Amino acid sequence: MQQTISILMFIGLIIGLSFSAKAQSPYGSEPLAHTYSIVAIDPETGDMGVAVQSHWFSVGSLVIWGEAGVGVVATQSFVNPALGPTGLELLKAGFAAPQALKGLVQADPGQAVRQLAILDAKGNVATHTGSKCIEEAGHLIGEGFSVQANMMLNAKVWPAMAEAFEKSKDKKFADRLLLSLEAAEKAGGDIRGKQSAAILIVKAKSTGKVWEDRLVDLRVDDSPEPLKELRRLWNVQQAYTHMNEGDLAMEKNDVEGALKSYGAAEAMFPDNEEMKFWHAVALVNIQKMEQAMKLFKEIFAKNKNWQTLVPRIHKSGLINIDEIELKKIMAL
């Protein structure tokens, strides 16, 4: 009984701070982020993710919320963005996802037009689709995930999302979330079309460093093909992860490791000048000058600024060459 009272008191306090009369005027000033989304936990790592697509500008800034070691939230339909941070606060206070969602929905005068999904760090999931969400609308809850959609072209959208997520267990977690979104679009998607998309993945446990705890945080705010652009950005992030690993290896004088990482990045984006440049630098540092010179020549032909950079990184000690070798590179 005492626990029930404390729950109600806490929810009442949070709701009182988060819900203003203006914010609770359905069909009024609230953003029309009718959309489809997924919240999920990675069973291998415990990392948590949320991804979304909508025919609405910058949907990621409104719909998706997450915090490492806490959980993720998707708040959509006639959006009250306060449900995102408030839901996370309830999870941080120790409430499981079903408790948090129940409290938020019961306290929300606009619950009939809301769609809300919450996943906590233990993998508990809870989802609400209001009775007045615009058809087609619905949700499905699976093991460690839920998919939800409203104002869809048809009722096949969210089942297609669930199927895509469940059948891609051999893929990286981010890829599984993106595959779910792509399946939604293939099944019909938002009846209005497409405009923006976003994905957020946070760590299972917080390090206290937000910049490390957000493993993936990508947004496409306005695009005729938001999911294709989001997929492209995810691929770019993976390539730059290899670049970062190469930089760290260079700092530790692990030239072989740097070469491997830079090479992996370059393989993903063979036309990227910077990736080729640092690959060439790594080759120089392990005395593979002939291979490096071929790369430098190709890069300099496209952009002379890279050639200007060489003596600067030589001065900083990032490229291990003598003055004679420097002159050879500068003569390309």
Protein backbone atom coordinates (compact mmCIF):
# COMPACT_ATOMS: atom_id res chain seq x y z
CA MET A 1 0.00 0.00 0.00
CA GLN A 2 2.79 2.38 0.92
CA GLN A 3 4.58 1.60 -2.34
CA THR A 4 1.39 2.34 -4.31
CA ILE A 5 0.99 5.70 -2.57
CA SER A 6 4.62 6.65 -3.25
CA ILE A 7 4.21 5.73 -6.90
CA LEU A 8 1.08 7.84 -7.23
CA MET A 9 2.68 10.76 -5.40
CA PHE A 10 5.76 10.67 -7.57
CA ILE A 11 3.81 10.35 -10.80
CA GLY A 12 1.56 13.19 -9.69
CA LEU A 13 4.55 15.40 -9.03
CA ILE A 14 6.19 14.63 -12.37
CA ILE A 15 2.97 15.01 -14.33
CA GLY A 16 2.18 18.28 -12.61
CA LEU A 17 5.51 19.66 -13.74
CA SER A 18 5.34 18.27 -17.26
CA PHE A 19 1.79 18.77 -18.47
CA SER A 20 0.50 22.28 -19.04
CA ALA A 21 -3.03 23.05 -20.10
CA LYS A 22 -1.76 24.22 -23.45
CA ALA A 23 0.23 21.05 -23.98
CA GLN A 24 -2.89 18.99 -23.42
CA SER A 25 -5.05 20.52 -26.11
CA PRO A 26 -5.38 17.70 -28.65
CA TYR A 27 -5.63 18.77 -32.28
CA GLY A 28 -4.33 22.17 -31.21
CA SER A 29 -0.70 23.23 -31.07
CA GLU A 30 0.75 19.74 -30.69
CA PRO A 31 3.08 18.52 -33.48
CA LEU A 32 1.43 16.12 -35.90
CA ALA A 33 4.23 13.55 -35.76
CA HIS A 34 2.11 10.68 -37.01
CA THR A 35 4.66 8.02 -37.63
CA TYR A 36 6.04 4.54 -37.16
CA SER A 37 8.74 3.65 -34.66
CA ILE A 38 10.48 0.82 -32.83
CA VAL A 39 11.92 0.56 -29.31
CA ALA A 40 14.16 -2.42 -28.57
CA ILE A 41 16.93 -3.90 -26.47
CA ASP A 42 19.93 -5.77 -27.85
CA PRO A 43 19.83 -9.21 -26.19
CA GLU A 44 23.59 -9.60 -26.69
CA THR A 45 24.79 -6.34 -25.13
CA GLY A 46 21.82 -4.83 -23.30
CA ASP A 47 22.15 -1.67 -25.39
CA MET A 48 18.80 0.02 -26.05
CA GLY A 49 17.58 1.66 -29.22
CA VAL A 50 14.72 3.64 -30.69
CA ALA A 51 14.17 4.56 -34.33
CA VAL A 52 11.48 6.48 -36.19
CA GLN A 53 10.32 7.77 -39.60
CA SER A 54 7.56 10.25 -40.38
CA HIS A 55 6.19 12.76 -42.87
CA TRP A 56 7.04 15.55 -40.44
CA PHE A 57 10.03 17.85 -40.16
CA SER A 58 12.74 16.79 -37.70
CA VAL A 59 10.78 13.90 -36.20
CA GLY A 60 13.82 12.75 -34.23
CA SER A 61 13.83 15.92 -32.12
CA LEU A 62 10.27 15.22 -30.94
CA VAL A 63 9.63 11.49 -30.85
CA ILE A 64 12.70 9.57 -29.67
CA TRP A 65 14.32 9.76 -26.24
CA GLY A 66 16.87 7.61 -24.47
CA GLU A 67 19.41 7.44 -21.67
CA ALA A 68 22.11 4.85 -21.02
CA GLY A 69 21.31 2.49 -18.19
CA VAL A 70 17.73 3.79 -18.07
CA GLY A 71 15.69 3.11 -21.20
CA VAL A 72 14.22 4.52 -24.39
CA VAL A 73 10.90 6.17 -25.23
CA ALA A 74 8.94 6.90 -28.40
CA THR A 75 6.16 9.48 -28.04
CA GLN A 76 4.11 10.06 -31.18
CA SER A 77 0.77 10.72 -32.91
CA PHE A 78 -0.35 14.12 -31.55
CA VAL A 79 2.98 14.46 -29.77
CA ASN A 80 3.51 15.70 -26.27
CA PRO A 81 7.33 15.73 -26.19
CA ALA A 82 7.25 15.94 -22.37
CA LEU A 83 6.33 12.27 -22.27
CA GLY A 84 9.87 11.44 -23.40
CA PRO A 85 11.97 12.98 -20.62
CA THR A 86 9.22 12.37 -18.06
CA GLY A 87 9.12 8.71 -18.96
CA LEU A 88 12.87 8.47 -18.51
CA GLU A 89 12.64 10.17 -15.12
CA LEU A 90 10.11 7.59 -13.99
CA LEU A 91 12.39 4.77 -15.13
CA LYS A 92 15.32 6.38 -13.28
CA ALA A 93 13.16 6.50 -10.15
CA GLY A 94 12.85 2.73 -10.30
CA PHE A 95 9.55 2.19 -12.07
CA ALA A 96 9.39 -0.53 -14.70
CA ALA A 97 8.24 0.38 -18.20
CA PRO A 98 4.64 -0.83 -17.67
CA GLN A 99 4.30 1.20 -14.47
CA ALA A 100 5.76 4.31 -16.07
CA LEU A 101 3.52 4.06 -19.13
CA LYS A 102 0.39 3.43 -17.05
CA GLY A 103 1.06 6.49 -14.91
CA LEU A 104 1.75 8.72 -17.89
CA VAL A 105 -1.31 7.60 -19.83
CA GLN A 106 -3.68 7.86 -16.87
CA ALA A 107 -2.52 11.39 -16.12
CA ASP A 108 -2.74 12.55 -19.73
CA PRO A 109 -5.98 14.29 -20.79
CA GLY A 110 -4.92 13.71 -24.39
CA GLN A 111 -4.38 9.97 -23.99
CA ALA A 112 -6.94 9.11 -26.71
CA VAL A 113 -4.76 10.71 -29.40
CA ARG A 114 -1.39 9.59 -28.04
CA GLN A 115 0.82 6.71 -29.03
CA LEU A 116 3.57 5.91 -26.55
CA ALA A 117 6.17 3.16 -26.17
CA ILE A 118 8.60 2.70 -23.29
CA LEU A 119 11.41 0.16 -22.83
CA ASP A 120 13.48 -0.07 -19.65
CA ALA A 121 17.01 -1.34 -19.06
CA LYS A 122 15.73 -4.79 -18.09
CA GLY A 123 13.99 -5.19 -21.42
CA ASN A 124 10.46 -4.63 -20.14
CA VAL A 125 8.27 -3.02 -22.80
CA ALA A 126 4.92 -1.22 -22.63
CA THR A 127 2.97 0.44 -25.43
CA HIS A 128 -0.18 2.54 -25.69
CA THR A 129 -2.23 3.35 -28.79
CA GLY A 130 -5.02 5.80 -28.07
CA SER A 131 -8.55 5.06 -29.25
CA LYS A 132 -8.59 8.21 -31.42
CA CYS A 133 -5.22 7.72 -33.10
CA ILE A 134 -5.80 8.15 -36.82
CA GLU A 135 -6.18 4.88 -38.72
CA GLU A 136 -4.50 2.77 -39.58
CA ALA A 137 -2.96 2.60 -36.13
CA GLY A 138 -1.72 -0.11 -33.81
CA HIS A 139 1.24 -1.73 -32.12
CA LEU A 140 2.84 -5.10 -31.45
CA ILE A 141 4.98 -6.16 -28.49
CA GLY A 142 7.62 -8.83 -28.92
CA GLU A 143 10.43 -10.15 -26.76
CA GLY A 144 12.44 -7.07 -25.81
CA PHE A 145 10.87 -4.76 -28.37
CA SER A 146 7.72 -3.06 -29.58
CA VAL A 147 6.67 -1.49 -32.86
CA GLN A 148 3.97 1.16 -33.13
CA ALA A 149 2.44 3.14 -35.96
CA ASN A 150 -0.40 5.54 -36.68
CA MET A 151 -1.84 7.23 -39.77
CA MET A 152 -0.44 4.42 -41.89
CA LEU A 153 -1.56 3.54 -45.40
CA ASN A 154 -2.62 0.09 -44.17
CA ALA A 155 -2.54 -2.22 -41.16
CA LYS A 156 0.33 -4.29 -42.53
CA VAL A 157 2.96 -1.76 -41.51
CA TRP A 158 3.66 -2.62 -37.86
CA PRO A 159 3.46 -6.42 -38.33
CA ALA A 160 6.04 -6.03 -41.13
CA MET A 161 8.26 -4.07 -38.75
CA ALA A 162 8.08 -6.76 -36.08
CA GLU A 163 8.81 -9.51 -38.59
CA ALA A 164 11.84 -7.69 -39.99
CA PHE A 165 13.29 -7.13 -36.52
CA GLU A 166 12.72 -10.70 -35.38
CA LYS A 167 14.19 -12.22 -38.54
CA SER A 168 17.42 -10.22 -38.46
CA LYS A 169 19.01 -11.53 -35.26
CA ASP A 170 22.27 -12.18 -37.09
CA LYS A 171 22.67 -8.47 -37.90
CA LYS A 172 24.11 -5.58 -35.90
CA PHE A 173 21.59 -3.99 -33.57
CA ALA A 174 21.46 -0.70 -35.50
CA ASP A 175 20.92 -2.61 -38.73
CA ARG A 176 18.00 -4.47 -37.17
CA LEU A 177 16.33 -1.19 -36.20
CA LEU A 178 16.87 0.24 -39.67
CA LEU A 179 15.57 -2.93 -41.31
CA SER A 180 12.41 -2.58 -39.25
CA LEU A 181 11.88 0.96 -40.52
CA GLU A 182 12.61 -0.07 -44.07
CA ALA A 183 10.07 -2.90 -43.81
CA ALA A 184 7.46 -0.40 -42.65
CA GLU A 185 8.04 1.77 -45.70
CA LYS A 186 7.94 -1.23 -48.02
CA ALA A 187 4.61 -2.29 -46.51
CA GLY A 188 3.02 1.11 -47.20
CA GLY A 189 4.35 3.45 -44.54
CA ASP A 190 2.90 6.81 -43.55
CA ILE A 191 -0.15 7.60 -45.71
CA ARG A 192 1.24 11.12 -46.25
CA GLY A 193 4.65 9.96 -47.46
CA LYS A 194 8.09 10.46 -45.92
CA GLN A 195 10.25 13.35 -44.76
CA SER A 196 12.46 12.68 -41.74
CA ALA A 197 13.94 9.80 -39.76
CA ALA A 198 16.19 9.19 -36.77
CA ILE A 199 17.89 6.48 -34.74
CA LEU A 200 19.26 6.56 -31.19
CA ILE A 201 21.13 3.76 -29.42
CA VAL A 202 22.38 4.08 -25.84
CA LYS A 203 24.57 1.80 -23.74
CA ALA A 204 23.21 -0.78 -21.36
CA LYS A 205 25.05 0.92 -18.49
CA SER A 206 25.90 4.56 -18.06
CA THR A 207 29.51 5.67 -17.87
CA GLY A 208 28.46 9.16 -16.84
CA LYS A 209 29.83 10.44 -20.15
CA VAL A 210 26.94 11.24 -22.47
CA TRP A 211 29.23 11.44 -25.52
CA GLU A 212 30.32 7.84 -24.90
CA ASP A 213 26.95 6.52 -23.81
CA ARG A 214 25.20 7.45 -27.08
CA LEU A 215 26.51 4.79 -29.43
CA VAL A 216 24.39 5.92 -32.37
CA ASP A 217 22.64 9.29 -32.61
CA LEU A 218 21.71 10.09 -36.20
CA ARG A 219 18.98 12.28 -37.66
CA VAL A 220 17.71 13.16 -41.08
CA ASP A 221 15.50 16.20 -40.59
CA ASP A 222 14.27 16.79 -44.15
CA SER A 223 14.80 14.56 -47.16
CA PRO A 224 12.80 13.02 -50.01
CA GLU A 225 14.38 9.69 -49.01
CA PRO A 226 14.99 9.88 -45.25
CA LEU A 227 15.51 6.16 -44.69
CA LYS A 228 18.07 5.86 -47.48
CA GLU A 229 19.90 8.86 -46.06
CA LEU A 230 19.74 7.45 -42.53
CA ARG A 231 21.18 4.16 -43.78
CA ARG A 232 23.97 6.09 -45.56
CA LEU A 233 24.80 8.00 -42.37
CA TRP A 234 24.96 4.77 -40.38
CA ASN A 235 27.43 3.36 -42.90
CA VAL A 236 29.49 6.54 -42.68
CA GLN A 237 29.51 6.28 -38.87
CA GLN A 238 30.85 2.75 -39.05
CA ALA A 239 33.62 3.87 -41.38
CA TYR A 240 34.58 6.76 -39.11
CA THR A 241 34.58 4.39 -36.15
CA HIS A 242 37.40 2.60 -37.95
CA MET A 243 39.06 5.99 -38.51
CA ASN A 244 38.86 6.79 -34.80
CA GLU A 245 40.35 3.40 -33.98
CA GLY A 246 43.16 4.18 -36.40
CA ASP A 247 43.81 7.53 -34.71
CA LEU A 248 43.96 5.85 -31.29
CA ALA A 249 46.36 3.26 -32.63
CA MET A 250 48.58 6.03 -34.03
CA GLU A 251 48.66 7.72 -30.63
CA LYS A 252 49.92 4.45 -29.15
CA ASN A 253 52.46 3.99 -31.96
CA ASP A 254 50.56 0.89 -33.07
CA VAL A 255 51.17 1.51 -36.75
CA GLU A 256 50.02 -1.93 -37.88
CA GLY A 257 46.77 -1.49 -35.99
CA ALA A 258 46.30 1.97 -37.47
CA LEU A 259 46.93 0.62 -40.96
CA LYS A 260 44.32 -2.07 -40.47
CA SER A 261 41.71 0.38 -39.17
CA TYR A 262 42.34 3.03 -41.82
CA GLY A 263 42.22 0.35 -44.49
CA ALA A 264 38.86 -0.90 -43.19
CA ALA A 265 37.46 2.63 -43.30
CA GLU A 266 38.76 3.23 -46.80
CA ALA A 267 37.28 -0.05 -48.03
CA MET A 268 33.84 1.14 -46.95
CA PHE A 269 34.22 4.53 -48.68
CA PRO A 270 36.91 4.21 -51.35
CA ASP A 271 36.30 7.73 -52.69
CA ASN A 272 36.74 9.45 -49.33
CA GLU A 273 39.90 11.57 -49.54
CA GLU A 274 40.56 11.79 -45.81
CA MET A 275 40.39 8.05 -45.30
CA LYS A 276 42.88 7.54 -48.12
CA PHE A 277 45.15 10.24 -46.71
CA TRP A 278 45.50 8.67 -43.27
CA HIS A 279 45.88 5.25 -44.86
CA ALA A 280 48.84 6.67 -46.80
CA VAL A 281 50.30 8.18 -43.63
CA ALA A 282 50.07 4.80 -41.90
CA LEU A 283 51.86 3.18 -44.84
CA VAL A 284 54.68 5.72 -44.61
CA ASN A 285 55.05 5.03 -40.90
CA ILE A 286 55.71 1.35 -41.56
CA GLN A 287 58.20 2.16 -44.33
CA LYS A 288 55.91 1.21 -47.21
CA MET A 289 56.75 4.35 -49.15
CA GLU A 290 56.00 3.04 -52.63
CA GLN A 291 52.40 2.17 -51.74
CA ALA A 292 52.00 5.43 -49.82
CA MET A 293 53.29 7.55 -52.70
CA LYS A 294 50.67 6.09 -55.06
CA LEU A 295 47.91 7.03 -52.62
CA PHE A 296 49.33 10.50 -51.97
CA LYS A 297 49.55 11.20 -55.70
CA GLU A 298 45.92 10.22 -56.18
CA ILE A 299 44.75 12.34 -53.23
CA PHE A 300 46.81 15.42 -54.17
CA ALA A 301 45.45 15.31 -57.72
CA LYS A 302 41.96 15.74 -56.30
CA ASN A 303 42.72 18.26 -53.57
CA LYS A 304 46.05 20.10 -53.08
CA ASN A 305 45.12 21.00 -49.50
CA TRP A 306 46.11 17.48 -48.44
CA GLN A 307 49.58 18.15 -49.77
CA THR A 308 49.73 21.36 -47.74
CA LEU A 309 48.80 19.34 -44.67
CA VAL A 310 51.74 16.92 -44.95
CA PRO A 311 54.47 19.21 -43.55
CA ARG A 312 52.13 20.27 -40.78
CA ILE A 313 51.56 16.72 -39.55
CA HIS A 314 55.30 16.13 -40.00
CA LYS A 315 55.93 19.01 -37.62
CA SER A 316 53.49 17.44 -35.13
CA GLY A 317 55.22 14.07 -35.36
CA LEU A 318 52.31 12.20 -36.92
CA ILE A 319 54.26 11.14 -40.00
CA ASN A 320 57.71 9.61 -39.51
CA ILE A 321 59.81 10.79 -42.45
CA ASP A 322 63.05 12.68 -42.90
CA GLU A 323 63.45 15.88 -44.89
CA ILE A 324 64.42 14.04 -48.07
CA GLU A 325 61.28 11.87 -47.97
CA LEU A 326 59.17 14.93 -47.16
CA LYS A 327 60.48 16.68 -50.26
CA LYS A 328 59.63 13.63 -52.38
CA ILE A 329 56.06 13.69 -51.14
CA MET A 330 55.77 17.43 -51.67
CA ALA A 331 57.07 17.03 -55.22
CA LEU A 332 54.19 14.79 -56.28
